[in-house]
Structure formats: C-alpha cells, structure tokens
C-alpha cells in the first residue's frame, strides 16, 4: 500500500484544523470552475442577477 506524502498529510491536518475555511475555498473553487468551463449564457445571466442581490445584501449589512 502506498504511503501518503508528507505534503498530503500536512494538507489533511490543515483541512481538519480549518474546516470552515477549507469548505469556503472548495466552494469558491467549484464556482469559479463552473463559470469558466461549463456555464451557458443563461447560467451567466442568472448568476449576474444573484451576484447583484448578494452584493446589495452585503453592502446594506455593513450600514
């Protein structure tokens, strides 16, 4: 059986200690990948609307 590299073990340890940050980074990566590689024009139009709503929500929550 193959041994895991030190880097793989270090990555797993970091992910375990930083579950929320790790989850956030994975979601962000998936979203970017979808937009770059798979999104249709209809998807992009919908995403633009969703982004505008989210942006306004964040701006108003700061006030």
PDB file of N, CA and C in Angstrom:
ATOM      1  N   UNK A   1       0.850  -1.185   0.000  1.00  0.00           N
ATOM      2  CA  UNK A   1       0.000   0.000   0.000  1.00  0.00           C
ATOM      3  C   UNK A   1       0.899   1.253   0.000  1.00  0.00           C
ATOM      4  N   UNK A   2       0.502   2.239  -0.762  1.00  0.00           N
ATOM      5  CA  UNK A   2       1.291   3.472  -0.847  1.00  0.00           C
ATOM      6  C   UNK A   2       1.175   4.294   0.425  1.00  0.00           C
ATOM      7  N   UNK A   3       2.289   4.888   0.817  1.00  0.00           N
ATOM      8  CA  UNK A   3       2.270   5.802   1.952  1.00  0.00           C
ATOM      9  C   UNK A   3       1.890   7.182   1.449  1.00  0.00           C
ATOM     10  N   UNK A   4       1.203   7.928   2.299  1.00  0.00           N
ATOM     11  CA  UNK A   4       0.842   9.291   1.935  1.00  0.00           C
ATOM     12  C   UNK A   4       2.063  10.173   2.098  1.00  0.00           C
ATOM     13  N   UNK A   5       2.228  11.110   1.178  1.00  0.00           N
ATOM     14  CA  UNK A   5       3.372  12.012   1.270  1.00  0.00           C
ATOM     15  C   UNK A   5       3.217  12.943   2.460  1.00  0.00           C
ATOM     16  N   UNK A   6       4.314  13.519   2.870  1.00  0.00           N
ATOM     17  CA  UNK A   6       4.283  14.465   3.986  1.00  0.00           C
ATOM     18  C   UNK A   6       3.383  15.656   3.654  1.00  0.00           C
ATOM     19  N   UNK A   7       3.423  16.084   2.393  1.00  0.00           N
ATOM     20  CA  UNK A   7       2.594  17.223   1.985  1.00  0.00           C
ATOM     21  C   UNK A   7       1.112  16.872   2.081  1.00  0.00           C
ATOM     22  N   UNK A   8       0.746  15.679   1.643  1.00  0.00           N
ATOM     23  CA  UNK A   8      -0.649  15.236   1.728  1.00  0.00           C
ATOM     24  C   UNK A   8      -1.111  15.192   3.181  1.00  0.00           C
ATOM     25  N   UNK A   9      -0.272  14.675   4.040  1.00  0.00           N
ATOM     26  CA  UNK A   9      -0.618  14.610   5.462  1.00  0.00           C
ATOM     27  C   UNK A   9      -0.740  16.009   6.056  1.00  0.00           C
ATOM     28  N   UNK A  10       0.159  16.902   5.656  1.00  0.00           N
ATOM     29  CA  UNK A  10       0.099  18.282   6.150  1.00  0.00           C
ATOM     30  C   UNK A  10      -1.180  18.962   5.661  1.00  0.00           C
ATOM     31  N   UNK A  11      -1.551  18.715   4.411  1.00  0.00           N
ATOM     32  CA  UNK A  11      -2.785  19.289   3.867  1.00  0.00           C
ATOM     33  C   UNK A  11      -4.008  18.780   4.626  1.00  0.00           C
ATOM     34  N   UNK A  12      -4.035  17.490   4.891  1.00  0.00           N
ATOM     35  CA  UNK A  12      -5.158  16.907   5.628  1.00  0.00           C
ATOM     36  C   UNK A  12      -5.242  17.479   7.036  1.00  0.00           C
ATOM     37  N   UNK A  13      -4.102  17.658   7.678  1.00  0.00           N
ATOM     38  CA  UNK A  13      -4.066  18.224   9.024  1.00  0.00           C
ATOM     39  C   UNK A  13      -4.589  19.658   9.009  1.00  0.00           C
ATOM     40  N   UNK A  14      -4.165  20.449   8.009  1.00  0.00           N
ATOM     41  CA  UNK A  14      -4.625  21.837   7.905  1.00  0.00           C
ATOM     42  C   UNK A  14      -6.138  21.870   7.682  1.00  0.00           C
ATOM     43  N   UNK A  15      -6.634  21.033   6.772  1.00  0.00           N
ATOM     44  CA  UNK A  15      -8.069  20.992   6.487  1.00  0.00           C
ATOM     45  C   UNK A  15      -8.872  20.613   7.732  1.00  0.00           C
ATOM     46  N   UNK A  16      -8.355  19.707   8.520  1.00  0.00           N
ATOM     47  CA  UNK A  16      -9.046  19.297   9.743  1.00  0.00           C
ATOM     48  C   UNK A  16      -9.092  20.443  10.753  1.00  0.00           C
ATOM     49  N   UNK A  17      -8.024  21.207  10.838  1.00  0.00           N
ATOM     50  CA  UNK A  17      -7.970  22.326  11.777  1.00  0.00           C
ATOM     51  C   UNK A  17      -8.761  23.534  11.280  1.00  0.00           C
ATOM     52  N   UNK A  18      -8.962  23.625   9.978  1.00  0.00           N
ATOM     53  CA  UNK A  18      -9.589  24.802   9.369  1.00  0.00           C
ATOM     54  C   UNK A  18     -10.775  24.390   8.500  1.00  0.00           C
ATOM     55  N   UNK A  19     -11.725  23.692   9.098  1.00  0.00           N
ATOM     56  CA  UNK A  19     -12.837  23.123   8.335  1.00  0.00           C
ATOM     57  C   UNK A  19     -13.655  24.182   7.599  1.00  0.00           C
ATOM     58  N   UNK A  20     -14.000  25.257   8.272  1.00  0.00           N
ATOM     59  CA  UNK A  20     -14.827  26.290   7.639  1.00  0.00           C
ATOM     60  C   UNK A  20     -14.089  26.964   6.485  1.00  0.00           C
ATOM     61  N   UNK A  21     -12.838  27.322   6.691  1.00  0.00           N
ATOM     62  CA  UNK A  21     -12.044  27.967   5.644  1.00  0.00           C
ATOM     63  C   UNK A  21     -11.859  27.013   4.465  1.00  0.00           C
ATOM     64  N   UNK A  22     -11.599  25.747   4.773  1.00  0.00           N
ATOM     65  CA  UNK A  22     -11.427  24.738   3.735  1.00  0.00           C
ATOM     66  C   UNK A  22     -12.702  24.584   2.911  1.00  0.00           C
ATOM     67  N   UNK A  23     -13.843  24.534   3.588  1.00  0.00           N
ATOM     68  CA  UNK A  23     -15.138  24.406   2.912  1.00  0.00           C
ATOM     69  C   UNK A  23     -15.381  25.622   2.008  1.00  0.00           C
ATOM     70  N   UNK A  24     -15.081  26.813   2.534  1.00  0.00           N
ATOM     71  CA  UNK A  24     -15.240  28.057   1.771  1.00  0.00           C
ATOM     72  C   UNK A  24     -14.371  28.020   0.507  1.00  0.00           C
ATOM     73  N   UNK A  25     -13.114  27.647   0.647  1.00  0.00           N
ATOM     74  CA  UNK A  25     -12.201  27.625  -0.502  1.00  0.00           C
ATOM     75  C   UNK A  25     -12.630  26.602  -1.551  1.00  0.00           C
ATOM     76  N   UNK A  26     -13.131  25.449  -1.114  1.00  0.00           N
ATOM     77  CA  UNK A  26     -13.601  24.433  -2.060  1.00  0.00           C
ATOM     78  C   UNK A  26     -14.828  24.924  -2.827  1.00  0.00           C
ATOM     79  N   UNK A  27     -15.756  25.576  -2.116  1.00  0.00           N
ATOM     80  CA  UNK A  27     -16.952  26.110  -2.777  1.00  0.00           C
ATOM     81  C   UNK A  27     -16.575  27.191  -3.779  1.00  0.00           C
ATOM     82  N   UNK A  28     -15.663  28.080  -3.383  1.00  0.00           N
ATOM     83  CA  UNK A  28     -15.231  29.158  -4.273  1.00  0.00           C
ATOM     84  C   UNK A  28     -14.562  28.593  -5.519  1.00  0.00           C
ATOM     85  N   UNK A  29     -13.733  27.603  -5.331  1.00  0.00           N
ATOM     86  CA  UNK A  29     -13.055  26.961  -6.454  1.00  0.00           C
ATOM     87  C   UNK A  29     -14.058  26.310  -7.411  1.00  0.00           C
ATOM     88  N   UNK A  30     -15.059  25.637  -6.855  1.00  0.00           N
ATOM     89  CA  UNK A  30     -16.085  24.992  -7.688  1.00  0.00           C
ATOM     90  C   UNK A  30     -16.878  26.026  -8.480  1.00  0.00           C
ATOM     91  N   UNK A  31     -17.225  27.124  -7.830  1.00  0.00           N
ATOM     92  CA  UNK A  31     -17.991  28.170  -8.508  1.00  0.00           C
ATOM     93  C   UNK A  31     -17.194  28.765  -9.655  1.00  0.00           C
ATOM     94  N   UNK A  32     -15.943  29.066  -9.404  1.00  0.00           N
ATOM     95  CA  UNK A  32     -15.090  29.645 -10.455  1.00  0.00           C
ATOM     96  C   UNK A  32     -14.910  28.680 -11.619  1.00  0.00           C
ATOM     97  N   UNK A  33     -14.695  27.420 -11.293  1.00  0.00           N
ATOM     98  CA  UNK A  33     -14.511  26.410 -12.325  1.00  0.00           C
ATOM     99  C   UNK A  33     -15.782  26.272 -13.177  1.00  0.00           C
ATOM    100  N   UNK A  34     -16.941  26.264 -12.532  1.00  0.00           N
ATOM    101  CA  UNK A  34     -18.200  26.170 -13.262  1.00  0.00           C
ATOM    102  C   UNK A  34     -18.349  27.352 -14.219  1.00  0.00           C
ATOM    103  N   UNK A  35     -18.082  28.552 -13.725  1.00  0.00           N
ATOM    104  CA  UNK A  35     -18.232  29.756 -14.548  1.00  0.00           C
ATOM    105  C   UNK A  35     -17.264  29.712 -15.735  1.00  0.00           C
ATOM    106  N   UNK A  36     -16.026  29.355 -15.487  1.00  0.00           N
ATOM    107  CA  UNK A  36     -15.013  29.343 -16.553  1.00  0.00           C
ATOM    108  C   UNK A  36     -15.256  28.260 -17.593  1.00  0.00           C
ATOM    109  N   UNK A  37     -15.721  27.088 -17.157  1.00  0.00           N
ATOM    110  CA  UNK A  37     -15.709  25.924 -18.039  1.00  0.00           C
ATOM    111  C   UNK A  37     -17.068  25.417 -18.511  1.00  0.00           C
ATOM    112  N   UNK A  38     -18.121  25.658 -17.748  1.00  0.00           N
ATOM    113  CA  UNK A  38     -19.381  24.995 -18.062  1.00  0.00           C
ATOM    114  C   UNK A  38     -20.589  25.903 -18.223  1.00  0.00           C
ATOM    115  N   UNK A  39     -20.519  27.107 -17.683  1.00  0.00           N
ATOM    116  CA  UNK A  39     -21.697  27.969 -17.657  1.00  0.00           C
ATOM    117  C   UNK A  39     -22.163  28.343 -19.067  1.00  0.00           C
ATOM    118  N   UNK A  40     -23.482  28.290 -19.250  1.00  0.00           N
ATOM    119  CA  UNK A  40     -24.088  28.732 -20.508  1.00  0.00           C
ATOM    120  C   UNK A  40     -24.419  30.221 -20.385  1.00  0.00           C
ATOM    121  N   UNK A  41     -24.856  30.817 -21.471  1.00  0.00           N
ATOM    122  CA  UNK A  41     -25.265  32.221 -21.418  1.00  0.00           C
ATOM    123  C   UNK A  41     -26.414  32.421 -20.434  1.00  0.00           C
ATOM    124  N   UNK A  42     -27.329  31.456 -20.388  1.00  0.00           N
ATOM    125  CA  UNK A  42     -28.439  31.542 -19.448  1.00  0.00           C
ATOM    126  C   UNK A  42     -27.940  31.464 -18.003  1.00  0.00           C
ATOM    127  N   UNK A  43     -26.991  30.569 -17.758  1.00  0.00           N
ATOM    128  CA  UNK A  43     -26.405  30.462 -16.417  1.00  0.00           C
ATOM    129  C   UNK A  43     -25.744  31.782 -16.015  1.00  0.00           C
ATOM    130  N   UNK A  44     -24.997  32.360 -16.931  1.00  0.00           N
ATOM    131  CA  UNK A  44     -24.281  33.607 -16.648  1.00  0.00           C
ATOM    132  C   UNK A  44     -25.258  34.731 -16.335  1.00  0.00           C
ATOM    133  N   UNK A  45     -26.354  34.800 -17.085  1.00  0.00           N
ATOM    134  CA  UNK A  45     -27.362  35.834 -16.831  1.00  0.00           C
ATOM    135  C   UNK A  45     -27.956  35.662 -15.433  1.00  0.00           C
ATOM    136  N   UNK A  46     -28.270  34.431 -15.065  1.00  0.00           N
ATOM    137  CA  UNK A  46     -28.823  34.172 -13.737  1.00  0.00           C
ATOM    138  C   UNK A  46     -27.806  34.492 -12.651  1.00  0.00           C
ATOM    139  N   UNK A  47     -26.567  34.105 -12.867  1.00  0.00           N
ATOM    140  CA  UNK A  47     -25.520  34.362 -11.880  1.00  0.00           C
ATOM    141  C   UNK A  47     -25.296  35.858 -11.677  1.00  0.00           C
ATOM    142  N   UNK A  48     -25.378  36.620 -12.753  1.00  0.00           N
ATOM    143  CA  UNK A  48     -25.236  38.075 -12.624  1.00  0.00           C
ATOM    144  C   UNK A  48     -26.309  38.645 -11.702  1.00  0.00           C
ATOM    145  N   UNK A  49     -27.530  38.180 -11.868  1.00  0.00           N
ATOM    146  CA  UNK A  49     -28.627  38.641 -11.006  1.00  0.00           C
ATOM    147  C   UNK A  49     -28.384  38.242  -9.555  1.00  0.00           C
ATOM    148  N   UNK A  50     -27.976  37.008  -9.351  1.00  0.00           N
ATOM    149  CA  UNK A  50     -27.707  36.532  -7.997  1.00  0.00           C
ATOM    150  C   UNK A  50     -26.562  37.310  -7.348  1.00  0.00           C
ATOM    151  N   UNK A  51     -25.541  37.611  -8.125  1.00  0.00           N
ATOM    152  CA  UNK A  51     -24.408  38.375  -7.608  1.00  0.00           C
ATOM    153  C   UNK A  51     -24.821  39.789  -7.208  1.00  0.00           C
ATOM    154  N   UNK A  52     -25.678  40.392  -7.998  1.00  0.00           N
ATOM    155  CA  UNK A  52     -26.149  41.738  -7.677  1.00  0.00           C
ATOM    156  C   UNK A  52     -26.941  41.744  -6.371  1.00  0.00           C
ATOM    157  N   UNK A  53     -27.814  40.764  -6.206  1.00  0.00           N
ATOM    158  CA  UNK A  53     -28.602  40.658  -4.977  1.00  0.00           C
ATOM    159  C   UNK A  53     -27.672  40.441  -3.784  1.00  0.00           C
ATOM    160  N   UNK A  54     -26.715  39.539  -3.928  1.00  0.00           N
ATOM    161  CA  UNK A  54     -25.784  39.243  -2.838  1.00  0.00           C
ATOM    162  C   UNK A  54     -24.933  40.467  -2.491  1.00  0.00           C
ATOM    163  N   UNK A  55     -24.469  41.167  -3.512  1.00  0.00           N
ATOM    164  CA  UNK A  55     -23.660  42.370  -3.298  1.00  0.00           C
ATOM    165  C   UNK A  55     -24.456  43.418  -2.526  1.00  0.00           C
ATOM    166  N   UNK A  56     -25.697  43.660  -2.940  1.00  0.00           N
ATOM    167  CA  UNK A  56     -26.546  44.629  -2.245  1.00  0.00           C
ATOM    168  C   UNK A  56     -26.794  44.207  -0.798  1.00  0.00           C
ATOM    169  N   UNK A  57     -26.980  42.930  -0.593  1.00  0.00           N
ATOM    170  CA  UNK A  57     -27.200  42.416   0.757  1.00  0.00           C
ATOM    171  C   UNK A  57     -25.979  42.691   1.641  1.00  0.00           C
ATOM    172  N   UNK A  58     -24.796  42.452   1.108  1.00  0.00           N
ATOM    173  CA  UNK A  58     -23.571  42.687   1.871  1.00  0.00           C
ATOM    174  C   UNK A  58     -23.336  44.164   2.130  1.00  0.00           C
ATOM    175  N   UNK A  59     -23.627  44.998   1.149  1.00  0.00           N
ATOM    176  CA  UNK A  59     -23.452  46.447   1.309  1.00  0.00           C
ATOM    177  C   UNK A  59     -24.378  46.957   2.391  1.00  0.00           C
ATOM    178  N   UNK A  60     -25.633  46.514   2.387  1.00  0.00           N
ATOM    179  CA  UNK A  60     -26.612  47.008   3.349  1.00  0.00           C
ATOM    180  C   UNK A  60     -26.379  46.442   4.751  1.00  0.00           C
ATOM    181  N   UNK A  61     -25.755  45.287   4.841  1.00  0.00           N
ATOM    182  CA  UNK A  61     -25.490  44.718   6.163  1.00  0.00           C
ATOM    183  C   UNK A  61     -24.335  45.450   6.865  1.00  0.00           C
ATOM    184  N   UNK A  62     -23.510  46.149   6.115  1.00  0.00           N
ATOM    185  CA  UNK A  62     -22.395  46.922   6.684  1.00  0.00           C
ATOM    186  C   UNK A  62     -22.906  48.180   7.374  1.00  0.00           C
ATOM    187  N   UNK A  63     -23.985  48.736   6.866  1.00  0.00           N
ATOM    188  CA  UNK A  63     -24.502  50.013   7.354  1.00  0.00           C
ATOM    189  C   UNK A  63     -25.022  49.949   8.759  1.00  0.00           C
TER     190      UNK A  63
END
